[in-house]
Amino acid sequence: MVKGFALAYRLGITPWERAGRGGADQLARLFEREEREHPGTRRALDLGCGRGTHAVTLAQRGWEVTGVDAVPLALDGARARARQANQTIRFLEGDVTHLPPEVGSGYTLVLDIGCFHGLSDEQRVRMGGQMMAAAAPDASVLVLCFATGGRGPMPRGATGADLMRAMPGWTVVDEEPAETSGLPGPLRRLTPTYYRLRRAG
């Protein structure tokens, strides 16, 4: 999966970035909800941050942000974007299933726009454990997943139940269809959904 993303960045084939621009208003609304529920210090962890679009948006909204990605070329782009936006963001190279220790913990928002749904079952369990370890007690986890059934180069997809299996003790408290206007036609048919999880109880 990482090799595929690395090749895509080298070739400039990044449809997920176009999709992100198309869904910016919806994501801003989802961030506003987190800000209402976390009026104090806001710390966000952006897993699979790519070239930093969402990390920069969060920083501009007043969040303290750490972004993690396994593709050095993407991180170079993320750091350049942060400099251009005059935002201080910590970007770390690492695997979302085994985060570097510098990531730490205590994040009030853990964000994943498109990593989890492409992983194997074993990798999902490891990623879920990393998200739980990084999250503050009152944190939210916000994940974008395509529907199941993807084949070939497409992500295999995931459901809310898949997320909860990977994150025992967490519950999907909200889900809504993602805006698809920025997606190429074949990807629109994979009906992406935003899932929001909180600790059970």
Protein backbone atom coordinates (compact mmCIF):
# COMPACT_ATOMS: atom_id res chain seq x y z
CA MET A 1 0.00 0.00 0.00
CA VAL A 2 2.79 2.43 0.92
CA LYS A 3 4.61 1.67 -2.32
CA GLY A 4 1.46 2.44 -4.26
CA PHE A 5 1.06 5.82 -2.58
CA ALA A 6 4.74 6.62 -3.07
CA LEU A 7 4.42 5.90 -6.79
CA ALA A 8 1.24 7.95 -7.02
CA TYR A 9 2.95 10.97 -5.45
CA ARG A 10 5.91 10.64 -7.81
CA LEU A 11 3.59 10.51 -10.82
CA GLY A 12 1.33 13.26 -9.53
CA ILE A 13 -1.74 10.98 -9.51
CA THR A 14 -3.48 12.01 -6.27
CA PRO A 15 -7.27 11.92 -6.72
CA TRP A 16 -7.76 11.92 -2.93
CA GLU A 17 -6.42 15.48 -2.82
CA ARG A 18 -9.01 16.64 -5.35
CA ALA A 19 -11.66 14.86 -3.30
CA GLY A 20 -10.44 16.68 -0.21
CA ARG A 21 -10.93 20.04 -1.87
CA GLY A 22 -14.44 19.05 -2.94
CA GLY A 23 -15.35 17.98 0.59
CA ALA A 24 -13.70 20.87 2.44
CA ASP A 25 -16.96 22.45 3.63
CA GLN A 26 -18.24 19.19 5.09
CA LEU A 27 -14.97 18.51 6.88
CA ALA A 28 -14.94 22.06 8.26
CA ARG A 29 -18.36 21.40 9.77
CA LEU A 30 -17.08 18.17 11.34
CA PHE A 31 -14.11 20.05 12.79
CA GLU A 32 -16.48 22.69 14.20
CA ARG A 33 -18.32 19.97 16.07
CA GLU A 34 -15.07 18.81 17.68
CA GLU A 35 -14.21 22.39 18.62
CA ARG A 36 -17.55 22.84 20.37
CA GLU A 37 -16.93 19.68 22.41
CA HIS A 38 -13.28 20.49 23.16
CA PRO A 39 -13.27 24.18 24.09
CA GLY A 40 -9.90 23.98 25.83
CA THR A 41 -6.59 22.79 24.42
CA ARG A 42 -7.11 21.07 21.10
CA ARG A 43 -4.55 18.57 19.86
CA ALA A 44 -5.01 16.67 16.61
CA LEU A 45 -3.20 13.66 15.17
CA ASP A 46 -3.56 13.32 11.40
CA LEU A 47 -2.71 9.74 10.37
CA GLY A 48 -1.73 9.33 6.72
CA CYS A 49 -1.50 13.11 6.48
CA GLY A 50 -0.16 13.10 2.91
CA ARG A 51 0.80 16.57 1.77
CA GLY A 52 -0.77 18.15 4.81
CA THR A 53 -4.03 19.62 3.52
CA HIS A 54 -6.08 18.68 6.59
CA ALA A 55 -3.22 19.26 9.03
CA VAL A 56 -2.82 22.83 7.80
CA THR A 57 -6.58 23.43 7.95
CA LEU A 58 -6.66 22.26 11.56
CA ALA A 59 -3.65 24.40 12.48
CA GLN A 60 -5.30 27.45 10.92
CA ARG A 61 -8.32 26.73 13.12
CA GLY A 62 -6.14 26.84 16.22
CA TRP A 63 -5.32 23.16 16.72
CA GLU A 64 -1.90 21.86 17.76
CA VAL A 65 -1.27 19.28 15.02
CA THR A 66 0.99 16.29 14.46
CA GLY A 67 0.88 14.61 11.05
CA VAL A 68 2.24 11.15 10.27
CA ASP A 69 2.85 9.61 6.87
CA ALA A 70 5.05 6.84 5.49
CA VAL A 71 5.89 8.60 2.19
CA PRO A 72 8.82 11.07 2.48
CA LEU A 73 7.83 12.90 -0.71
CA ALA A 74 4.36 13.56 0.71
CA LEU A 75 5.88 14.86 3.95
CA ASP A 76 8.13 17.20 1.99
CA GLY A 77 4.99 18.63 0.40
CA ALA A 78 3.27 18.86 3.80
CA ARG A 79 6.14 20.81 5.33
CA ALA A 80 6.21 23.17 2.33
CA ARG A 81 2.44 23.71 2.64
CA ALA A 82 2.76 24.48 6.34
CA ARG A 83 5.56 26.99 5.69
CA GLN A 84 3.54 28.67 2.98
CA ALA A 85 0.56 28.93 5.34
CA ASN A 86 2.84 30.19 8.16
CA GLN A 87 1.73 27.33 10.41
CA THR A 88 3.87 25.35 12.86
CA ILE A 89 3.01 21.67 12.46
CA ARG A 90 5.01 18.63 13.48
CA PHE A 91 5.27 16.13 10.61
CA LEU A 92 6.75 12.70 11.33
CA GLU A 93 7.65 9.84 9.03
CA GLY A 94 6.07 6.64 10.27
CA ASP A 95 3.75 3.70 9.80
CA VAL A 96 0.18 4.16 11.06
CA THR A 97 0.25 0.60 12.43
CA HIS A 98 3.40 1.31 14.47
CA LEU A 99 3.67 5.01 15.24
CA PRO A 100 7.00 6.58 16.15
CA PRO A 101 7.32 7.20 19.90
CA GLU A 102 7.60 10.95 19.29
CA VAL A 103 3.88 10.97 18.48
CA GLY A 104 3.04 10.68 22.15
CA SER A 105 -0.54 10.75 23.43
CA GLY A 106 -3.31 13.01 24.71
CA TYR A 107 -4.83 13.95 21.35
CA THR A 108 -8.41 15.21 21.46
CA LEU A 109 -8.92 14.37 17.78
CA VAL A 110 -7.44 11.48 15.83
CA LEU A 111 -8.07 11.88 12.11
CA ASP A 112 -7.77 9.25 9.37
CA ILE A 113 -8.86 10.25 5.88
CA GLY A 114 -8.36 7.04 3.96
CA CYS A 115 -5.79 4.77 5.67
CA PHE A 116 -7.75 2.25 7.72
CA HIS A 117 -10.00 1.11 4.87
CA GLY A 118 -7.05 -0.13 2.81
CA LEU A 119 -5.40 -2.28 5.49
CA SER A 120 -5.50 -6.00 6.18
CA ASP A 121 -7.37 -7.25 9.25
CA GLU A 122 -4.13 -7.64 11.20
CA GLN A 123 -2.95 -4.15 10.24
CA ARG A 124 -6.32 -2.70 11.27
CA VAL A 125 -6.00 -4.15 14.75
CA ARG A 126 -2.52 -2.66 15.07
CA MET A 127 -3.67 0.73 13.77
CA GLY A 128 -6.66 0.66 16.11
CA GLY A 129 -4.36 0.03 19.05
CA GLN A 130 -2.17 2.95 18.03
CA MET A 131 -5.18 5.26 17.75
CA MET A 132 -6.46 4.22 21.18
CA ALA A 133 -3.04 4.76 22.75
CA ALA A 134 -2.70 8.23 21.21
CA ALA A 135 -6.19 9.45 22.10
CA ALA A 136 -7.07 11.47 25.21
CA PRO A 137 -9.82 10.04 27.45
CA ASP A 138 -12.45 12.35 25.94
CA ALA A 139 -11.14 12.18 22.37
CA SER A 140 -12.98 11.66 19.13
CA VAL A 141 -11.69 9.53 16.29
CA LEU A 142 -12.85 10.63 12.84
CA VAL A 143 -12.32 8.17 9.99
CA LEU A 144 -13.25 8.30 6.30
CA CYS A 145 -13.85 4.86 4.79
CA PHE A 146 -15.04 3.64 1.43
CA ALA A 147 -17.74 0.97 1.42
CA THR A 148 -16.57 -2.63 1.34
CA GLY A 149 -16.05 -4.43 -1.94
CA GLY A 150 -13.20 -2.44 -3.48
CA ARG A 151 -10.96 -4.46 -5.80
CA GLY A 152 -7.63 -4.15 -7.54
CA PRO A 153 -5.95 -0.84 -6.74
CA MET A 154 -9.00 0.40 -4.82
CA PRO A 155 -9.11 0.17 -1.00
CA ARG A 156 -10.97 -2.90 0.25
CA GLY A 157 -13.29 -0.65 2.24
CA ALA A 158 -14.50 -0.80 5.82
CA THR A 159 -17.61 -0.42 7.95
CA GLY A 160 -18.30 1.01 11.38
CA ALA A 161 -18.30 -2.54 12.73
CA ASP A 162 -14.80 -3.04 11.30
CA LEU A 163 -13.62 0.07 13.13
CA MET A 164 -15.09 -1.06 16.44
CA ARG A 165 -13.49 -4.50 16.08
CA ALA A 166 -10.12 -2.78 15.69
CA MET A 167 -10.83 -0.42 18.60
CA PRO A 168 -12.39 -2.41 21.47
CA GLY A 169 -14.12 -0.17 23.96
CA TRP A 170 -14.91 2.47 21.35
CA THR A 171 -18.28 3.02 19.71
CA VAL A 172 -19.37 4.63 16.45
CA VAL A 173 -21.50 7.53 17.66
CA ASP A 174 -22.13 9.17 14.30
CA GLU A 175 -21.81 8.40 10.62
CA GLU A 176 -22.67 10.36 7.52
CA PRO A 177 -22.07 10.04 3.78
CA ALA A 178 -19.02 11.94 2.61
CA GLU A 179 -19.25 14.62 -0.06
CA THR A 180 -18.19 13.02 -3.35
CA SER A 181 -18.21 15.93 -5.81
CA GLY A 182 -14.42 15.97 -5.97
CA LEU A 183 -14.06 12.22 -6.57
CA PRO A 184 -13.61 10.57 -9.97
CA GLY A 185 -16.68 8.62 -11.07
CA PRO A 186 -15.44 5.12 -10.15
CA LEU A 187 -14.59 6.24 -6.62
CA ARG A 188 -17.99 7.86 -6.09
CA ARG A 189 -19.56 4.44 -6.42
CA LEU A 190 -17.60 3.32 -3.35
CA THR A 191 -19.87 5.56 -1.22
CA PRO A 192 -17.37 7.00 1.27
CA THR A 193 -18.63 7.55 4.82
CA TYR A 194 -17.35 9.54 7.79
CA TYR A 195 -17.40 7.56 11.04
CA ARG A 196 -16.97 9.23 14.41
CA LEU A 197 -15.98 7.11 17.39
CA ARG A 198 -15.88 7.86 21.12
CA ARG A 199 -14.97 5.72 24.11
CA ALA A 200 -17.88 3.57 25.20
CA GLY A 201 -19.57 4.52 28.45
